[in-house]
Amino acid sequence: MSFSGPEILLIIEAAGTFAFAVSGAMAAIRSRFDLFGIFVLAFVTAIGGGTIRDLLIGNLPVSWLTNSLAIFSVLAGFLFTLIVYRRINKLEGWLFTFDAAGLGLFTVMGTQIAMEGGMSPGIAVALGTITGCFGGVIRDVLAGEPPLIFQKEIYAIAAVAGGTIFITIVDLLGTLFIAQITGILVIVAIRYVAVKRELGLPRLQLPEKN
């Protein structure tokens, strides 16, 4: 199976990388990290998921080592956060939009790369989910917080759904661009509904001790 994609997806990828870098930088500021710590958390949040994916499938060197756009996007997110962090709450709606789009793009792209590497559909979806979600997991762990995707809202499930739809459309229609856009939009839509309605998976609680 041969894949290629339009340049517009590179723009969305840059926006997603930017948003994840801002997310990591803000988590570091809330945890009172110094400037170096803020940059490191911004960086690992933006590239962490893709790095884990590339290592798992042996795609070396990992993508950000040969992709200057990713580095510039991280730097832009880091500098942007330093400039506006005192007013960042007023921008949460925009940041959520970029984050949701970034989750969608990175999940679909991760799934696509895994399929190109000959992985089965189930493994490809798993790797796409890792690409989209695990930068945030690393961010939360380094910031000393429970990972968001394990405790609040529907996040990883949105990535699984979008990756599955992407593969299904490619297999049935053979149309890559439609599959990419549909997968991204499904993930963004699920994230919007989950946040708006505060939807999450059921939680189990141990009985209280007498």
C-alpha atoms as a PDB file:
ATOM      1  CA  MET A   1       0.000   0.000   0.000  1.00  0.00           C
ATOM      2  CA  SER A   2       1.441   3.360  -1.021  1.00  0.00           C
ATOM      3  CA  PHE A   3       0.612   6.559   0.829  1.00  0.00           C
ATOM      4  CA  SER A   4       1.105  10.229   0.121  1.00  0.00           C
ATOM      5  CA  GLY A   5      -0.622  13.313   1.487  1.00  0.00           C
ATOM      6  CA  PRO A   6      -1.328  16.915   0.548  1.00  0.00           C
ATOM      7  CA  GLU A   7       0.731  19.760   1.928  1.00  0.00           C
ATOM      8  CA  ILE A   8      -2.210  21.066   3.973  1.00  0.00           C
ATOM      9  CA  LEU A   9      -1.609  18.237   6.439  1.00  0.00           C
ATOM     10  CA  LEU A  10       1.888  19.557   7.105  1.00  0.00           C
ATOM     11  CA  ILE A  11       0.305  22.846   8.155  1.00  0.00           C
ATOM     12  CA  ILE A  12      -2.080  21.050  10.505  1.00  0.00           C
ATOM     13  CA  GLU A  13       0.829  18.984  11.834  1.00  0.00           C
ATOM     14  CA  ALA A  14       2.775  22.162  12.589  1.00  0.00           C
ATOM     15  CA  ALA A  15      -0.267  23.632  14.359  1.00  0.00           C
ATOM     16  CA  GLY A  16      -0.705  20.455  16.387  1.00  0.00           C
ATOM     17  CA  THR A  17       2.967  20.383  17.350  1.00  0.00           C
ATOM     18  CA  PHE A  18       2.690  24.034  18.356  1.00  0.00           C
ATOM     19  CA  ALA A  19      -0.380  23.345  20.496  1.00  0.00           C
ATOM     20  CA  PHE A  20       1.181  20.358  22.245  1.00  0.00           C
ATOM     21  CA  ALA A  21       4.324  22.393  22.928  1.00  0.00           C
ATOM     22  CA  VAL A  22       2.177  25.117  24.509  1.00  0.00           C
ATOM     23  CA  SER A  23       0.383  22.465  26.570  1.00  0.00           C
ATOM     24  CA  GLY A  24       3.679  21.109  27.867  1.00  0.00           C
ATOM     25  CA  ALA A  25       5.061  24.567  28.585  1.00  0.00           C
ATOM     26  CA  MET A  26       1.947  25.553  30.530  1.00  0.00           C
ATOM     27  CA  ALA A  27       2.106  22.350  32.605  1.00  0.00           C
ATOM     28  CA  ALA A  28       5.730  23.170  33.421  1.00  0.00           C
ATOM     29  CA  ILE A  29       4.864  26.727  34.445  1.00  0.00           C
ATOM     30  CA  ARG A  30       2.075  25.464  36.700  1.00  0.00           C
ATOM     31  CA  SER A  31       4.594  23.080  38.278  1.00  0.00           C
ATOM     32  CA  ARG A  32       7.035  26.006  38.757  1.00  0.00           C
ATOM     33  CA  PHE A  33       9.768  24.636  36.482  1.00  0.00           C
ATOM     34  CA  ASP A  34      12.643  26.907  35.442  1.00  0.00           C
ATOM     35  CA  LEU A  35      13.091  28.043  31.830  1.00  0.00           C
ATOM     36  CA  PHE A  36      15.047  24.944  30.843  1.00  0.00           C
ATOM     37  CA  GLY A  37      12.420  22.705  32.415  1.00  0.00           C
ATOM     38  CA  ILE A  38       9.666  24.574  30.584  1.00  0.00           C
ATOM     39  CA  PHE A  39      11.387  24.031  27.242  1.00  0.00           C
ATOM     40  CA  VAL A  40      12.045  20.343  27.945  1.00  0.00           C
ATOM     41  CA  LEU A  41       8.413  19.703  28.872  1.00  0.00           C
ATOM     42  CA  ALA A  42       7.208  21.591  25.795  1.00  0.00           C
ATOM     43  CA  PHE A  43       9.558  19.543  23.633  1.00  0.00           C
ATOM     44  CA  VAL A  44       8.704  16.084  24.990  1.00  0.00           C
ATOM     45  CA  THR A  45       4.979  16.806  24.902  1.00  0.00           C
ATOM     46  CA  ALA A  46       5.165  17.747  21.232  1.00  0.00           C
ATOM     47  CA  ILE A  47       7.436  14.940  20.002  1.00  0.00           C
ATOM     48  CA  GLY A  48       7.051  12.227  22.634  1.00  0.00           C
ATOM     49  CA  GLY A  49       4.294  10.183  20.997  1.00  0.00           C
ATOM     50  CA  GLY A  50       5.919  10.178  17.561  1.00  0.00           C
ATOM     51  CA  THR A  51       9.281   9.238  19.046  1.00  0.00           C
ATOM     52  CA  ILE A  52       7.830   6.231  20.882  1.00  0.00           C
ATOM     53  CA  ARG A  53       6.075   5.124  17.688  1.00  0.00           C
ATOM     54  CA  ASP A  54       9.237   5.386  15.590  1.00  0.00           C
ATOM     55  CA  LEU A  55      11.269   3.449  18.152  1.00  0.00           C
ATOM     56  CA  LEU A  56       8.657   0.693  18.332  1.00  0.00           C
ATOM     57  CA  ILE A  57       8.589   0.165  14.562  1.00  0.00           C
ATOM     58  CA  GLY A  58      12.305   0.775  13.993  1.00  0.00           C
ATOM     59  CA  ASN A  59      11.755   3.940  11.965  1.00  0.00           C
ATOM     60  CA  LEU A  60      15.172   5.475  12.565  1.00  0.00           C
ATOM     61  CA  PRO A  61      16.307   8.167  12.896  1.00  0.00           C
ATOM     62  CA  VAL A  62      13.089   9.247  14.613  1.00  0.00           C
ATOM     63  CA  SER A  63      11.059  11.732  12.612  1.00  0.00           C
ATOM     64  CA  TRP A  64      11.851  14.960  14.475  1.00  0.00           C
ATOM     65  CA  LEU A  65      15.591  14.474  13.886  1.00  0.00           C
ATOM     66  CA  THR A  66      15.043  15.004  10.163  1.00  0.00           C
ATOM     67  CA  ASN A  67      12.037  17.347  10.308  1.00  0.00           C
ATOM     68  CA  SER A  68      13.039  20.961  10.904  1.00  0.00           C
ATOM     69  CA  LEU A  69       9.367  22.028  10.804  1.00  0.00           C
ATOM     70  CA  ALA A  70       8.726  20.094  14.022  1.00  0.00           C
ATOM     71  CA  ILE A  71      11.631  21.788  15.795  1.00  0.00           C
ATOM     72  CA  PHE A  72      10.540  25.263  14.689  1.00  0.00           C
ATOM     73  CA  SER A  73       6.963  24.522  15.787  1.00  0.00           C
ATOM     74  CA  VAL A  74       8.158  23.483  19.252  1.00  0.00           C
ATOM     75  CA  LEU A  75      10.288  26.620  19.556  1.00  0.00           C
ATOM     76  CA  ALA A  76       7.349  28.760  18.451  1.00  0.00           C
ATOM     77  CA  GLY A  77       5.073  27.143  21.040  1.00  0.00           C
ATOM     78  CA  PHE A  78       7.671  27.598  23.779  1.00  0.00           C
ATOM     79  CA  LEU A  79       8.250  31.282  22.985  1.00  0.00           C
ATOM     80  CA  PHE A  80       4.542  31.961  22.552  1.00  0.00           C
ATOM     81  CA  THR A  81       3.836  30.538  26.006  1.00  0.00           C
ATOM     82  CA  LEU A  82       6.535  32.654  27.628  1.00  0.00           C
ATOM     83  CA  ILE A  83       4.999  35.771  26.097  1.00  0.00           C
ATOM     84  CA  VAL A  84       1.323  35.155  26.859  1.00  0.00           C
ATOM     85  CA  TYR A  85       1.261  32.680  29.771  1.00  0.00           C
ATOM     86  CA  ARG A  86      -0.293  35.234  32.130  1.00  0.00           C
ATOM     87  CA  ARG A  87      -3.242  35.571  29.753  1.00  0.00           C
ATOM     88  CA  ILE A  88      -3.338  31.989  28.455  1.00  0.00           C
ATOM     89  CA  ASN A  89      -6.703  31.200  30.084  1.00  0.00           C
ATOM     90  CA  LYS A  90      -8.343  33.626  27.662  1.00  0.00           C
ATOM     91  CA  LEU A  91      -6.972  31.550  24.770  1.00  0.00           C
ATOM     92  CA  GLU A  92      -8.088  28.120  25.977  1.00  0.00           C
ATOM     93  CA  GLY A  93     -10.761  27.802  23.306  1.00  0.00           C
ATOM     94  CA  TRP A  94      -8.197  28.291  20.539  1.00  0.00           C
ATOM     95  CA  LEU A  95      -5.651  26.049  22.237  1.00  0.00           C
ATOM     96  CA  PHE A  96      -8.231  23.300  22.600  1.00  0.00           C
ATOM     97  CA  THR A  97      -9.010  23.571  18.881  1.00  0.00           C
ATOM     98  CA  PHE A  98      -5.322  23.192  17.979  1.00  0.00           C
ATOM     99  CA  ASP A  99      -4.893  20.361  20.473  1.00  0.00           C
ATOM    100  CA  ALA A 100      -7.877  18.452  19.117  1.00  0.00           C
ATOM    101  CA  ALA A 101      -6.678  18.950  15.539  1.00  0.00           C
ATOM    102  CA  GLY A 102      -3.179  17.873  16.536  1.00  0.00           C
ATOM    103  CA  LEU A 103      -4.528  14.745  18.215  1.00  0.00           C
ATOM    104  CA  GLY A 104      -6.474  13.938  15.072  1.00  0.00           C
ATOM    105  CA  LEU A 105      -3.584  14.503  12.703  1.00  0.00           C
ATOM    106  CA  PHE A 106      -0.935  12.729  14.761  1.00  0.00           C
ATOM    107  CA  THR A 107      -3.219   9.738  15.322  1.00  0.00           C
ATOM    108  CA  VAL A 108      -4.041   9.408  11.630  1.00  0.00           C
ATOM    109  CA  MET A 109      -0.441   9.985  10.561  1.00  0.00           C
ATOM    110  CA  GLY A 110       0.826   7.496  13.139  1.00  0.00           C
ATOM    111  CA  THR A 111      -1.683   4.931  11.914  1.00  0.00           C
ATOM    112  CA  GLN A 112      -0.679   5.620   8.312  1.00  0.00           C
ATOM    113  CA  ILE A 113       3.040   5.231   9.034  1.00  0.00           C
ATOM    114  CA  ALA A 114       2.382   1.944  10.830  1.00  0.00           C
ATOM    115  CA  MET A 115       0.377   0.634   7.854  1.00  0.00           C
ATOM    116  CA  GLU A 116       3.190   1.656   5.527  1.00  0.00           C
ATOM    117  CA  GLY A 117       5.501  -0.416   7.723  1.00  0.00           C
ATOM    118  CA  GLY A 118       3.366  -3.511   7.142  1.00  0.00           C
ATOM    119  CA  MET A 119       1.649  -3.579  10.539  1.00  0.00           C
ATOM    120  CA  SER A 120      -1.754  -5.193  10.999  1.00  0.00           C
ATOM    121  CA  PRO A 121      -4.758  -2.849  11.307  1.00  0.00           C
ATOM    122  CA  GLY A 122      -5.078  -3.370  15.062  1.00  0.00           C
ATOM    123  CA  ILE A 123      -1.404  -2.649  15.696  1.00  0.00           C
ATOM    124  CA  ALA A 124      -1.562   0.349  13.352  1.00  0.00           C
ATOM    125  CA  VAL A 125      -4.442   1.856  15.328  1.00  0.00           C
ATOM    126  CA  ALA A 126      -2.550   1.238  18.584  1.00  0.00           C
ATOM    127  CA  LEU A 127       0.537   2.966  17.229  1.00  0.00           C
ATOM    128  CA  GLY A 128      -1.570   5.856  15.958  1.00  0.00           C
ATOM    129  CA  THR A 129      -3.090   6.240  19.412  1.00  0.00           C
ATOM    130  CA  ILE A 130       0.377   6.213  20.969  1.00  0.00           C
ATOM    131  CA  THR A 131       1.471   8.899  18.514  1.00  0.00           C
ATOM    132  CA  GLY A 132      -1.456  11.134  19.401  1.00  0.00           C
ATOM    133  CA  CYS A 133      -1.648  10.585  23.161  1.00  0.00           C
ATOM    134  CA  PHE A 134       1.647   9.635  24.734  1.00  0.00           C
ATOM    135  CA  GLY A 135       3.328  13.012  24.528  1.00  0.00           C
ATOM    136  CA  GLY A 136       0.669  14.147  26.982  1.00  0.00           C
ATOM    137  CA  VAL A 137       1.280  11.117  29.191  1.00  0.00           C
ATOM    138  CA  ILE A 138       4.992  11.959  29.384  1.00  0.00           C
ATOM    139  CA  ARG A 139       4.118  15.602  30.114  1.00  0.00           C
ATOM    140  CA  ASP A 140       1.845  14.709  33.022  1.00  0.00           C
ATOM    141  CA  VAL A 141       4.284  12.211  34.527  1.00  0.00           C
ATOM    142  CA  LEU A 142       7.180  14.684  34.388  1.00  0.00           C
ATOM    143  CA  ALA A 143       4.954  17.395  35.865  1.00  0.00           C
ATOM    144  CA  GLY A 144       4.028  15.105  38.756  1.00  0.00           C
ATOM    145  CA  GLU A 145       0.365  14.779  37.779  1.00  0.00           C
ATOM    146  CA  PRO A 146      -1.793  11.705  37.039  1.00  0.00           C
ATOM    147  CA  PRO A 147      -1.964  11.306  33.227  1.00  0.00           C
ATOM    148  CA  LEU A 148      -5.030  13.105  31.887  1.00  0.00           C
ATOM    149  CA  ILE A 149      -6.046  10.327  29.494  1.00  0.00           C
ATOM    150  CA  PHE A 150      -6.455   7.877  32.381  1.00  0.00           C
ATOM    151  CA  GLN A 151      -8.680   9.981  34.600  1.00  0.00           C
ATOM    152  CA  LYS A 152     -10.720  12.578  32.732  1.00  0.00           C
ATOM    153  CA  GLU A 153     -12.721  12.943  29.523  1.00  0.00           C
ATOM    154  CA  ILE A 154     -12.608  10.734  26.440  1.00  0.00           C
ATOM    155  CA  TYR A 155      -9.212  11.155  24.797  1.00  0.00           C
ATOM    156  CA  ALA A 156      -7.546   7.905  23.786  1.00  0.00           C
ATOM    157  CA  ILE A 157     -10.902   6.390  22.765  1.00  0.00           C
ATOM    158  CA  ALA A 158     -11.315   9.270  20.295  1.00  0.00           C
ATOM    159  CA  ALA A 159      -7.934   8.398  18.798  1.00  0.00           C
ATOM    160  CA  VAL A 160      -8.847   4.707  18.517  1.00  0.00           C
ATOM    161  CA  ALA A 161     -12.126   5.581  16.781  1.00  0.00           C
ATOM    162  CA  GLY A 162     -10.481   7.962  14.317  1.00  0.00           C
ATOM    163  CA  GLY A 163      -7.662   5.549  13.481  1.00  0.00           C
ATOM    164  CA  THR A 164     -10.131   2.721  12.910  1.00  0.00           C
ATOM    165  CA  ILE A 165     -12.269   4.845  10.594  1.00  0.00           C
ATOM    166  CA  PHE A 166      -9.155   5.963   8.691  1.00  0.00           C
ATOM    167  CA  ILE A 167      -8.097   2.371   8.000  1.00  0.00           C
ATOM    168  CA  THR A 168     -11.641   1.322   7.107  1.00  0.00           C
ATOM    169  CA  ILE A 169     -12.048   4.069   4.501  1.00  0.00           C
ATOM    170  CA  VAL A 170      -8.629   3.372   2.972  1.00  0.00           C
ATOM    171  CA  ASP A 171      -9.441  -0.339   2.688  1.00  0.00           C
ATOM    172  CA  LEU A 172     -12.952   0.147   1.315  1.00  0.00           C
ATOM    173  CA  LEU A 173     -12.499   3.179  -0.930  1.00  0.00           C
ATOM    174  CA  GLY A 174      -8.733   3.392  -1.452  1.00  0.00           C
ATOM    175  CA  THR A 175      -8.975   7.173  -1.081  1.00  0.00           C
ATOM    176  CA  LEU A 176      -6.239   8.403   1.220  1.00  0.00           C
ATOM    177  CA  PHE A 177      -7.147  12.092   1.472  1.00  0.00           C
ATOM    178  CA  ILE A 178     -10.800  11.423   2.320  1.00  0.00           C
ATOM    179  CA  ALA A 179      -9.704   8.838   4.867  1.00  0.00           C
ATOM    180  CA  GLN A 180      -7.273  11.291   6.483  1.00  0.00           C
ATOM    181  CA  ILE A 181      -9.763  14.141   6.701  1.00  0.00           C
ATOM    182  CA  THR A 182     -12.570  11.899   7.951  1.00  0.00           C
ATOM    183  CA  GLY A 183     -10.368  10.333  10.622  1.00  0.00           C
ATOM    184  CA  ILE A 184      -9.207  13.737  11.831  1.00  0.00           C
ATOM    185  CA  LEU A 185     -12.733  15.186  11.899  1.00  0.00           C
ATOM    186  CA  VAL A 186     -14.092  12.194  13.820  1.00  0.00           C
ATOM    187  CA  ILE A 187     -11.417  12.614  16.501  1.00  0.00           C
ATOM    188  CA  VAL A 188     -12.009  16.360  16.761  1.00  0.00           C
ATOM    189  CA  ALA A 189     -15.790  15.850  16.973  1.00  0.00           C
ATOM    190  CA  ILE A 190     -15.502  13.220  19.705  1.00  0.00           C
ATOM    191  CA  ARG A 191     -13.179  15.465  21.707  1.00  0.00           C
ATOM    192  CA  TYR A 192     -15.563  18.422  21.407  1.00  0.00           C
ATOM    193  CA  VAL A 193     -18.570  16.401  22.507  1.00  0.00           C
ATOM    194  CA  ALA A 194     -16.644  14.762  25.354  1.00  0.00           C
ATOM    195  CA  VAL A 195     -15.426  18.097  26.727  1.00  0.00           C
ATOM    196  CA  LYS A 196     -18.704  19.926  26.200  1.00  0.00           C
ATOM    197  CA  ARG A 197     -20.739  17.224  27.943  1.00  0.00           C
ATOM    198  CA  GLU A 198     -17.986  16.154  30.352  1.00  0.00           C
ATOM    199  CA  LEU A 199     -18.113  12.567  29.127  1.00  0.00           C
ATOM    200  CA  GLY A 200     -15.698   9.979  30.460  1.00  0.00           C
ATOM    201  CA  LEU A 201     -15.389   6.254  30.936  1.00  0.00           C
ATOM    202  CA  PRO A 202     -16.837   4.681  34.108  1.00  0.00           C
ATOM    203  CA  ARG A 203     -14.585   4.621  37.161  1.00  0.00           C
ATOM    204  CA  LEU A 204     -14.361   1.831  39.714  1.00  0.00           C
ATOM    205  CA  GLN A 205     -14.148   2.617  43.386  1.00  0.00           C
ATOM    206  CA  LEU A 206     -13.045   0.393  46.223  1.00  0.00           C
ATOM    207  CA  PRO A 207     -15.509   0.080  49.090  1.00  0.00           C
ATOM    208  CA  GLU A 208     -14.794   2.332  52.019  1.00  0.00           C
ATOM    209  CA  LYS A 209     -13.286   0.754  55.105  1.00  0.00           C
ATOM    210  CA  ASN A 210     -15.475   0.689  58.181  1.00  0.00           C
END
